[in-house]
């Protein structure tokens, strides 16, 4: 997992978060970068959940919650998330057998992740623009047949990066103008791209963030 930036974006700090005490997850599943976007301090967080089993998945989410509680509440957040479970199985999962087999296995993790998003008022950028559209970021293929498809990745942002409410200072007005899935030629390579633009004036440049599978998740901000 990596996060890449244009050299036009001022990066103030970046660090790799290792397992916290009493957590056994593999190193390097959380990256936190602090930068200034539109003149505001912003945390860009890369998160790759351990999906070895249900316990490790929930442990990863709890570890992310601990890290995010240490971040200043005054900062905006962009969460590039490979959370490895379906947030809404009815929309985010497809099975060739016609049943959502296995989507209830991570119910505790699903609740924990939903709580984290609510605590930090984070919005799913794709669902914000496409509330009922079915798109997937992973395919389960065997012998050339697609057995199931699931959406287990996403980009989540704070309210200030959406278009619901006008900010107090018009010069800092932003708007989410794009969130779409990009399907690559490889069977397990997908991306979600968002474009957040300034709706007043020509500077600063638009933000383009991209989260890609497999676990070499990347975000290109320029």
C-alpha atoms as a PDB file:
ATOM      1  CA  UNK A   1       0.000   0.000   0.000  1.00  0.00           C
ATOM      2  CA  UNK A   2       1.281   3.456  -0.892  1.00  0.00           C
ATOM      3  CA  UNK A   3       0.040   7.029  -1.276  1.00  0.00           C
ATOM      4  CA  UNK A   4       1.498   9.158  -4.060  1.00  0.00           C
ATOM      5  CA  UNK A   5       1.264  12.937  -4.325  1.00  0.00           C
ATOM      6  CA  UNK A   6       1.934  15.576  -6.894  1.00  0.00           C
ATOM      7  CA  UNK A   7       4.841  17.795  -5.882  1.00  0.00           C
ATOM      8  CA  UNK A   8       2.371  20.713  -6.028  1.00  0.00           C
ATOM      9  CA  UNK A   9       0.661  19.571  -2.821  1.00  0.00           C
ATOM     10  CA  UNK A  10       2.415  20.646   0.381  1.00  0.00           C
ATOM     11  CA  UNK A  11       2.910  17.574   2.575  1.00  0.00           C
ATOM     12  CA  UNK A  12       3.554  18.390   6.222  1.00  0.00           C
ATOM     13  CA  UNK A  13       4.020  14.905   7.695  1.00  0.00           C
ATOM     14  CA  UNK A  14       3.750  11.227   6.819  1.00  0.00           C
ATOM     15  CA  UNK A  15       4.087   8.123   8.913  1.00  0.00           C
ATOM     16  CA  UNK A  16       3.479   4.406   8.789  1.00  0.00           C
ATOM     17  CA  UNK A  17       1.427   3.123  11.708  1.00  0.00           C
ATOM     18  CA  UNK A  18       2.742  -0.102  13.181  1.00  0.00           C
ATOM     19  CA  UNK A  19       0.668  -2.486  15.315  1.00  0.00           C
ATOM     20  CA  UNK A  20      -0.412  -0.889  18.546  1.00  0.00           C
ATOM     21  CA  UNK A  21       0.214  -2.643  21.884  1.00  0.00           C
ATOM     22  CA  UNK A  22      -1.845  -5.837  22.274  1.00  0.00           C
ATOM     23  CA  UNK A  23      -2.576  -5.880  18.531  1.00  0.00           C
ATOM     24  CA  UNK A  24      -1.058  -8.659  16.445  1.00  0.00           C
ATOM     25  CA  UNK A  25      -1.865  -7.363  12.953  1.00  0.00           C
ATOM     26  CA  UNK A  26       0.896  -7.154  10.344  1.00  0.00           C
ATOM     27  CA  UNK A  27       2.865  -3.897  10.132  1.00  0.00           C
ATOM     28  CA  UNK A  28       2.106  -1.239   7.590  1.00  0.00           C
ATOM     29  CA  UNK A  29      -1.657  -1.511   7.174  1.00  0.00           C
ATOM     30  CA  UNK A  30      -2.247   2.166   8.000  1.00  0.00           C
ATOM     31  CA  UNK A  31      -0.512   5.181   6.474  1.00  0.00           C
ATOM     32  CA  UNK A  32      -1.308   8.707   7.657  1.00  0.00           C
ATOM     33  CA  UNK A  33      -0.230  11.708   5.601  1.00  0.00           C
ATOM     34  CA  UNK A  34      -0.896  15.290   6.673  1.00  0.00           C
ATOM     35  CA  UNK A  35      -1.095  17.838   3.875  1.00  0.00           C
ATOM     36  CA  UNK A  36      -2.742  21.156   3.126  1.00  0.00           C
ATOM     37  CA  UNK A  37      -5.572  20.973   0.607  1.00  0.00           C
ATOM     38  CA  UNK A  38      -7.314  24.238  -0.289  1.00  0.00           C
ATOM     39  CA  UNK A  39      -5.364  25.827   2.530  1.00  0.00           C
ATOM     40  CA  UNK A  40      -6.862  23.480   5.129  1.00  0.00           C
ATOM     41  CA  UNK A  41      -4.949  20.824   7.077  1.00  0.00           C
ATOM     42  CA  UNK A  42      -6.068  17.407   5.867  1.00  0.00           C
ATOM     43  CA  UNK A  43      -5.273  13.858   6.888  1.00  0.00           C
ATOM     44  CA  UNK A  44      -5.068  11.393   3.999  1.00  0.00           C
ATOM     45  CA  UNK A  45      -5.287   7.903   5.492  1.00  0.00           C
ATOM     46  CA  UNK A  46      -4.531   4.671   3.663  1.00  0.00           C
ATOM     47  CA  UNK A  47      -6.091   1.623   5.335  1.00  0.00           C
ATOM     48  CA  UNK A  48      -5.767  -2.049   4.415  1.00  0.00           C
ATOM     49  CA  UNK A  49      -7.758  -4.360   6.688  1.00  0.00           C
ATOM     50  CA  UNK A  50      -6.449  -7.807   7.543  1.00  0.00           C
ATOM     51  CA  UNK A  51      -8.991 -10.308   6.245  1.00  0.00           C
ATOM     52  CA  UNK A  52      -7.324 -13.528   7.416  1.00  0.00           C
ATOM     53  CA  UNK A  53     -10.394 -14.187   9.537  1.00  0.00           C
ATOM     54  CA  UNK A  54     -13.245 -12.304  11.195  1.00  0.00           C
ATOM     55  CA  UNK A  55     -11.238 -11.609  14.340  1.00  0.00           C
ATOM     56  CA  UNK A  56      -8.289 -10.093  12.447  1.00  0.00           C
ATOM     57  CA  UNK A  57     -10.658  -7.980  10.342  1.00  0.00           C
ATOM     58  CA  UNK A  58     -12.344  -6.510  13.392  1.00  0.00           C
ATOM     59  CA  UNK A  59      -8.965  -6.024  15.071  1.00  0.00           C
ATOM     60  CA  UNK A  60      -7.782  -3.997  12.060  1.00  0.00           C
ATOM     61  CA  UNK A  61     -10.831  -1.735  12.238  1.00  0.00           C
ATOM     62  CA  UNK A  62     -10.383  -1.223  15.981  1.00  0.00           C
ATOM     63  CA  UNK A  63      -6.744  -0.298  15.381  1.00  0.00           C
ATOM     64  CA  UNK A  64      -7.783   2.254  12.751  1.00  0.00           C
ATOM     65  CA  UNK A  65     -10.322   3.707  15.196  1.00  0.00           C
ATOM     66  CA  UNK A  66      -7.605   4.140  17.835  1.00  0.00           C
ATOM     67  CA  UNK A  67      -5.320   5.903  15.354  1.00  0.00           C
ATOM     68  CA  UNK A  68      -8.068   8.210  14.116  1.00  0.00           C
ATOM     69  CA  UNK A  69      -9.022   9.227  17.648  1.00  0.00           C
ATOM     70  CA  UNK A  70      -5.545  10.739  18.003  1.00  0.00           C
ATOM     71  CA  UNK A  71      -6.014  13.031  14.980  1.00  0.00           C
ATOM     72  CA  UNK A  72      -7.048  16.672  15.472  1.00  0.00           C
ATOM     73  CA  UNK A  73     -10.778  17.085  14.947  1.00  0.00           C
ATOM     74  CA  UNK A  74     -10.158  20.370  13.125  1.00  0.00           C
ATOM     75  CA  UNK A  75      -8.549  18.571  10.162  1.00  0.00           C
ATOM     76  CA  UNK A  76     -10.374  17.305   7.094  1.00  0.00           C
ATOM     77  CA  UNK A  77     -10.075  13.570   6.375  1.00  0.00           C
ATOM     78  CA  UNK A  78      -9.737  11.536   3.203  1.00  0.00           C
ATOM     79  CA  UNK A  79      -9.878   7.813   4.023  1.00  0.00           C
ATOM     80  CA  UNK A  80      -8.654   5.469   1.272  1.00  0.00           C
ATOM     81  CA  UNK A  81     -10.064   2.223   2.556  1.00  0.00           C
ATOM     82  CA  UNK A  82      -9.520  -1.408   1.634  1.00  0.00           C
ATOM     83  CA  UNK A  83     -11.858  -2.566   4.408  1.00  0.00           C
ATOM     84  CA  UNK A  84     -12.342  -6.080   3.007  1.00  0.00           C
ATOM     85  CA  UNK A  85     -16.039  -6.410   3.814  1.00  0.00           C
ATOM     86  CA  UNK A  86     -19.285  -5.257   2.220  1.00  0.00           C
ATOM     87  CA  UNK A  87     -20.740  -2.203   3.928  1.00  0.00           C
ATOM     88  CA  UNK A  88     -24.172  -2.869   2.429  1.00  0.00           C
ATOM     89  CA  UNK A  89     -24.421  -6.514   1.307  1.00  0.00           C
ATOM     90  CA  UNK A  90     -27.669  -5.888  -0.559  1.00  0.00           C
ATOM     91  CA  UNK A  91     -25.871  -3.447  -2.885  1.00  0.00           C
ATOM     92  CA  UNK A  92     -22.235  -4.448  -2.555  1.00  0.00           C
ATOM     93  CA  UNK A  93     -22.392  -8.215  -3.103  1.00  0.00           C
ATOM     94  CA  UNK A  94     -23.376 -10.479  -5.998  1.00  0.00           C
ATOM     95  CA  UNK A  95     -23.334 -14.264  -6.101  1.00  0.00           C
ATOM     96  CA  UNK A  96     -23.842 -16.434  -9.164  1.00  0.00           C
ATOM     97  CA  UNK A  97     -25.886 -18.694  -6.892  1.00  0.00           C
ATOM     98  CA  UNK A  98     -28.362 -15.895  -6.325  1.00  0.00           C
ATOM     99  CA  UNK A  99     -27.803 -15.750  -2.558  1.00  0.00           C
ATOM    100  CA  UNK A 100     -25.677 -13.422  -0.469  1.00  0.00           C
ATOM    101  CA  UNK A 101     -23.677 -16.342   0.865  1.00  0.00           C
ATOM    102  CA  UNK A 102     -21.034 -15.342   3.352  1.00  0.00           C
ATOM    103  CA  UNK A 103     -21.965 -11.670   3.612  1.00  0.00           C
ATOM    104  CA  UNK A 104     -23.168 -12.070   7.202  1.00  0.00           C
ATOM    105  CA  UNK A 105     -19.835 -13.493   8.366  1.00  0.00           C
ATOM    106  CA  UNK A 106     -18.437 -10.057   9.226  1.00  0.00           C
ATOM    107  CA  UNK A 107     -21.440  -8.435  10.887  1.00  0.00           C
ATOM    108  CA  UNK A 108     -19.449  -7.314  13.942  1.00  0.00           C
ATOM    109  CA  UNK A 109     -16.788  -5.747  11.705  1.00  0.00           C
ATOM    110  CA  UNK A 110     -19.469  -4.070   9.625  1.00  0.00           C
ATOM    111  CA  UNK A 111     -20.970  -2.469  12.734  1.00  0.00           C
ATOM    112  CA  UNK A 112     -17.543  -1.388  13.980  1.00  0.00           C
ATOM    113  CA  UNK A 113     -16.672   0.245  10.652  1.00  0.00           C
ATOM    114  CA  UNK A 114     -20.063   1.981  10.458  1.00  0.00           C
ATOM    115  CA  UNK A 115     -19.492   3.360  13.967  1.00  0.00           C
ATOM    116  CA  UNK A 116     -16.059   4.677  12.959  1.00  0.00           C
ATOM    117  CA  UNK A 117     -17.489   6.443   9.910  1.00  0.00           C
ATOM    118  CA  UNK A 118     -20.277   7.988  11.991  1.00  0.00           C
ATOM    119  CA  UNK A 119     -17.923   9.167  14.747  1.00  0.00           C
ATOM    120  CA  UNK A 120     -15.793  11.082  12.253  1.00  0.00           C
ATOM    121  CA  UNK A 121     -18.732  12.104  10.022  1.00  0.00           C
ATOM    122  CA  UNK A 122     -17.224  10.436   6.973  1.00  0.00           C
ATOM    123  CA  UNK A 123     -19.208   9.993   3.771  1.00  0.00           C
ATOM    124  CA  UNK A 124     -18.847   7.311   1.109  1.00  0.00           C
ATOM    125  CA  UNK A 125     -18.008   9.369  -1.973  1.00  0.00           C
ATOM    126  CA  UNK A 126     -19.301   6.778  -4.429  1.00  0.00           C
ATOM    127  CA  UNK A 127     -22.588   6.205  -2.605  1.00  0.00           C
ATOM    128  CA  UNK A 128     -23.000   9.975  -2.189  1.00  0.00           C
ATOM    129  CA  UNK A 129     -23.254  10.337  -5.968  1.00  0.00           C
ATOM    130  CA  UNK A 130     -24.582   6.860  -6.826  1.00  0.00           C
ATOM    131  CA  UNK A 131     -26.787   5.747  -3.917  1.00  0.00           C
ATOM    132  CA  UNK A 132     -28.279   2.678  -5.618  1.00  0.00           C
ATOM    133  CA  UNK A 133     -25.816   1.721  -8.337  1.00  0.00           C
ATOM    134  CA  UNK A 134     -24.173  -1.710  -8.229  1.00  0.00           C
ATOM    135  CA  UNK A 135     -20.419  -1.648  -8.800  1.00  0.00           C
ATOM    136  CA  UNK A 136     -17.773  -4.008  -7.485  1.00  0.00           C
ATOM    137  CA  UNK A 137     -14.069  -3.844  -6.687  1.00  0.00           C
ATOM    138  CA  UNK A 138     -13.325  -7.562  -6.416  1.00  0.00           C
ATOM    139  CA  UNK A 139     -14.257 -10.687  -8.360  1.00  0.00           C
ATOM    140  CA  UNK A 140     -14.035 -14.261  -7.141  1.00  0.00           C
ATOM    141  CA  UNK A 141     -13.200 -16.285 -10.263  1.00  0.00           C
ATOM    142  CA  UNK A 142     -12.736 -20.055 -10.533  1.00  0.00           C
ATOM    143  CA  UNK A 143     -12.061 -21.909 -13.793  1.00  0.00           C
ATOM    144  CA  UNK A 144     -13.036 -18.846 -15.781  1.00  0.00           C
ATOM    145  CA  UNK A 145     -16.399 -18.433 -14.044  1.00  0.00           C
ATOM    146  CA  UNK A 146     -17.307 -15.471 -11.866  1.00  0.00           C
ATOM    147  CA  UNK A 147     -18.617 -16.971  -8.640  1.00  0.00           C
ATOM    148  CA  UNK A 148     -19.157 -13.721  -6.795  1.00  0.00           C
ATOM    149  CA  UNK A 149     -18.446 -10.002  -6.922  1.00  0.00           C
ATOM    150  CA  UNK A 150     -18.136  -7.594  -4.034  1.00  0.00           C
ATOM    151  CA  UNK A 151     -17.401  -3.951  -3.280  1.00  0.00           C
ATOM    152  CA  UNK A 152     -14.918  -3.978  -0.400  1.00  0.00           C
ATOM    153  CA  UNK A 153     -13.044  -0.718  -1.040  1.00  0.00           C
ATOM    154  CA  UNK A 154     -14.018   2.920  -0.841  1.00  0.00           C
ATOM    155  CA  UNK A 155     -12.980   6.550  -0.469  1.00  0.00           C
ATOM    156  CA  UNK A 156     -14.571   8.373   2.466  1.00  0.00           C
ATOM    157  CA  UNK A 157     -14.338  12.110   3.115  1.00  0.00           C
ATOM    158  CA  UNK A 158     -15.519  14.668   5.638  1.00  0.00           C
ATOM    159  CA  UNK A 159     -18.469  16.960   4.964  1.00  0.00           C
ATOM    160  CA  UNK A 160     -16.260  19.848   3.831  1.00  0.00           C
ATOM    161  CA  UNK A 161     -15.272  17.917   0.702  1.00  0.00           C
ATOM    162  CA  UNK A 162     -18.892  17.339  -0.350  1.00  0.00           C
ATOM    163  CA  UNK A 163     -21.414  19.727  -1.885  1.00  0.00           C
ATOM    164  CA  UNK A 164     -24.313  19.569   0.587  1.00  0.00           C
ATOM    165  CA  UNK A 165     -23.608  22.740   2.539  1.00  0.00           C
ATOM    166  CA  UNK A 166     -21.832  25.905   1.523  1.00  0.00           C
ATOM    167  CA  UNK A 167     -18.842  26.698   3.750  1.00  0.00           C
ATOM    168  CA  UNK A 168     -18.612  29.971   5.614  1.00  0.00           C
ATOM    169  CA  UNK A 169     -15.781  31.240   3.417  1.00  0.00           C
ATOM    170  CA  UNK A 170     -16.669  31.176  -0.259  1.00  0.00           C
ATOM    171  CA  UNK A 171     -13.011  31.156  -1.291  1.00  0.00           C
ATOM    172  CA  UNK A 172     -12.688  27.662   0.200  1.00  0.00           C
ATOM    173  CA  UNK A 173     -15.782  26.251  -1.507  1.00  0.00           C
ATOM    174  CA  UNK A 174     -15.261  22.656  -2.681  1.00  0.00           C
ATOM    175  CA  UNK A 175     -17.464  20.196  -4.505  1.00  0.00           C
ATOM    176  CA  UNK A 176     -17.318  16.461  -5.126  1.00  0.00           C
ATOM    177  CA  UNK A 177     -17.816  16.273  -8.878  1.00  0.00           C
ATOM    178  CA  UNK A 178     -16.883  12.697  -9.691  1.00  0.00           C
ATOM    179  CA  UNK A 179     -16.734   9.264  -8.075  1.00  0.00           C
ATOM    180  CA  UNK A 180     -16.523   6.275 -10.345  1.00  0.00           C
ATOM    181  CA  UNK A 181     -15.191   2.743 -10.589  1.00  0.00           C
ATOM    182  CA  UNK A 182     -12.466   2.013 -13.117  1.00  0.00           C
ATOM    183  CA  UNK A 183     -12.227  -1.575 -14.328  1.00  0.00           C
ATOM    184  CA  UNK A 184      -8.787  -2.714 -15.406  1.00  0.00           C
ATOM    185  CA  UNK A 185      -7.851  -5.490 -17.774  1.00  0.00           C
ATOM    186  CA  UNK A 186      -6.657  -7.774 -14.993  1.00  0.00           C
ATOM    187  CA  UNK A 187      -9.274  -9.877 -13.256  1.00  0.00           C
ATOM    188  CA  UNK A 188      -8.552  -8.432  -9.801  1.00  0.00           C
ATOM    189  CA  UNK A 189      -7.491  -4.874 -10.576  1.00  0.00           C
ATOM    190  CA  UNK A 190     -10.064  -2.173  -9.957  1.00  0.00           C
ATOM    191  CA  UNK A 191      -9.962   1.431  -8.871  1.00  0.00           C
ATOM    192  CA  UNK A 192     -12.256   4.039  -7.406  1.00  0.00           C
ATOM    193  CA  UNK A 193     -11.507   7.594  -8.440  1.00  0.00           C
ATOM    194  CA  UNK A 194     -12.901  10.812  -7.018  1.00  0.00           C
ATOM    195  CA  UNK A 195     -12.480  14.352  -8.246  1.00  0.00           C
ATOM    196  CA  UNK A 196     -13.033  17.231  -5.828  1.00  0.00           C
ATOM    197  CA  UNK A 197     -12.960  20.641  -7.436  1.00  0.00           C
ATOM    198  CA  UNK A 198     -12.869  24.209  -6.224  1.00  0.00           C
ATOM    199  CA  UNK A 199     -16.094  25.930  -7.327  1.00  0.00           C
ATOM    200  CA  UNK A 200     -14.770  29.465  -6.897  1.00  0.00           C
ATOM    201  CA  UNK A 201     -11.767  30.751  -8.811  1.00  0.00           C
ATOM    202  CA  UNK A 202      -9.000  28.842 -10.562  1.00  0.00           C
ATOM    203  CA  UNK A 203      -6.737  27.982  -7.649  1.00  0.00           C
ATOM    204  CA  UNK A 204      -5.999  25.569  -6.130  1.00  0.00           C
ATOM    205  CA  UNK A 205      -6.101  22.696  -8.661  1.00  0.00           C
ATOM    206  CA  UNK A 206      -8.659  19.871  -8.446  1.00  0.00           C
ATOM    207  CA  UNK A 207      -8.019  16.916  -6.166  1.00  0.00           C
ATOM    208  CA  UNK A 208      -8.012  13.564  -7.913  1.00  0.00           C
ATOM    209  CA  UNK A 209      -7.814  10.606  -5.557  1.00  0.00           C
ATOM    210  CA  UNK A 210      -7.646   7.017  -6.710  1.00  0.00           C
ATOM    211  CA  UNK A 211      -7.814   3.860  -4.630  1.00  0.00           C
ATOM    212  CA  UNK A 212      -6.796   0.672  -6.405  1.00  0.00           C
ATOM    213  CA  UNK A 213      -6.755  -3.077  -5.862  1.00  0.00           C
ATOM    214  CA  UNK A 214      -5.068  -5.427  -5.167  1.00  0.00           C
ATOM    215  CA  UNK A 215      -3.515  -4.523  -1.805  1.00  0.00           C
ATOM    216  CA  UNK A 216      -1.093  -2.096  -3.481  1.00  0.00           C
ATOM    217  CA  UNK A 217      -3.721   0.586  -2.903  1.00  0.00           C
ATOM    218  CA  UNK A 218      -2.614   3.953  -4.162  1.00  0.00           C
ATOM    219  CA  UNK A 219      -3.947   7.453  -4.172  1.00  0.00           C
ATOM    220  CA  UNK A 220      -2.868   9.938  -6.784  1.00  0.00           C
ATOM    221  CA  UNK A 221      -3.519  13.483  -5.593  1.00  0.00           C
ATOM    222  CA  UNK A 222      -2.795  16.232  -8.039  1.00  0.00           C
END
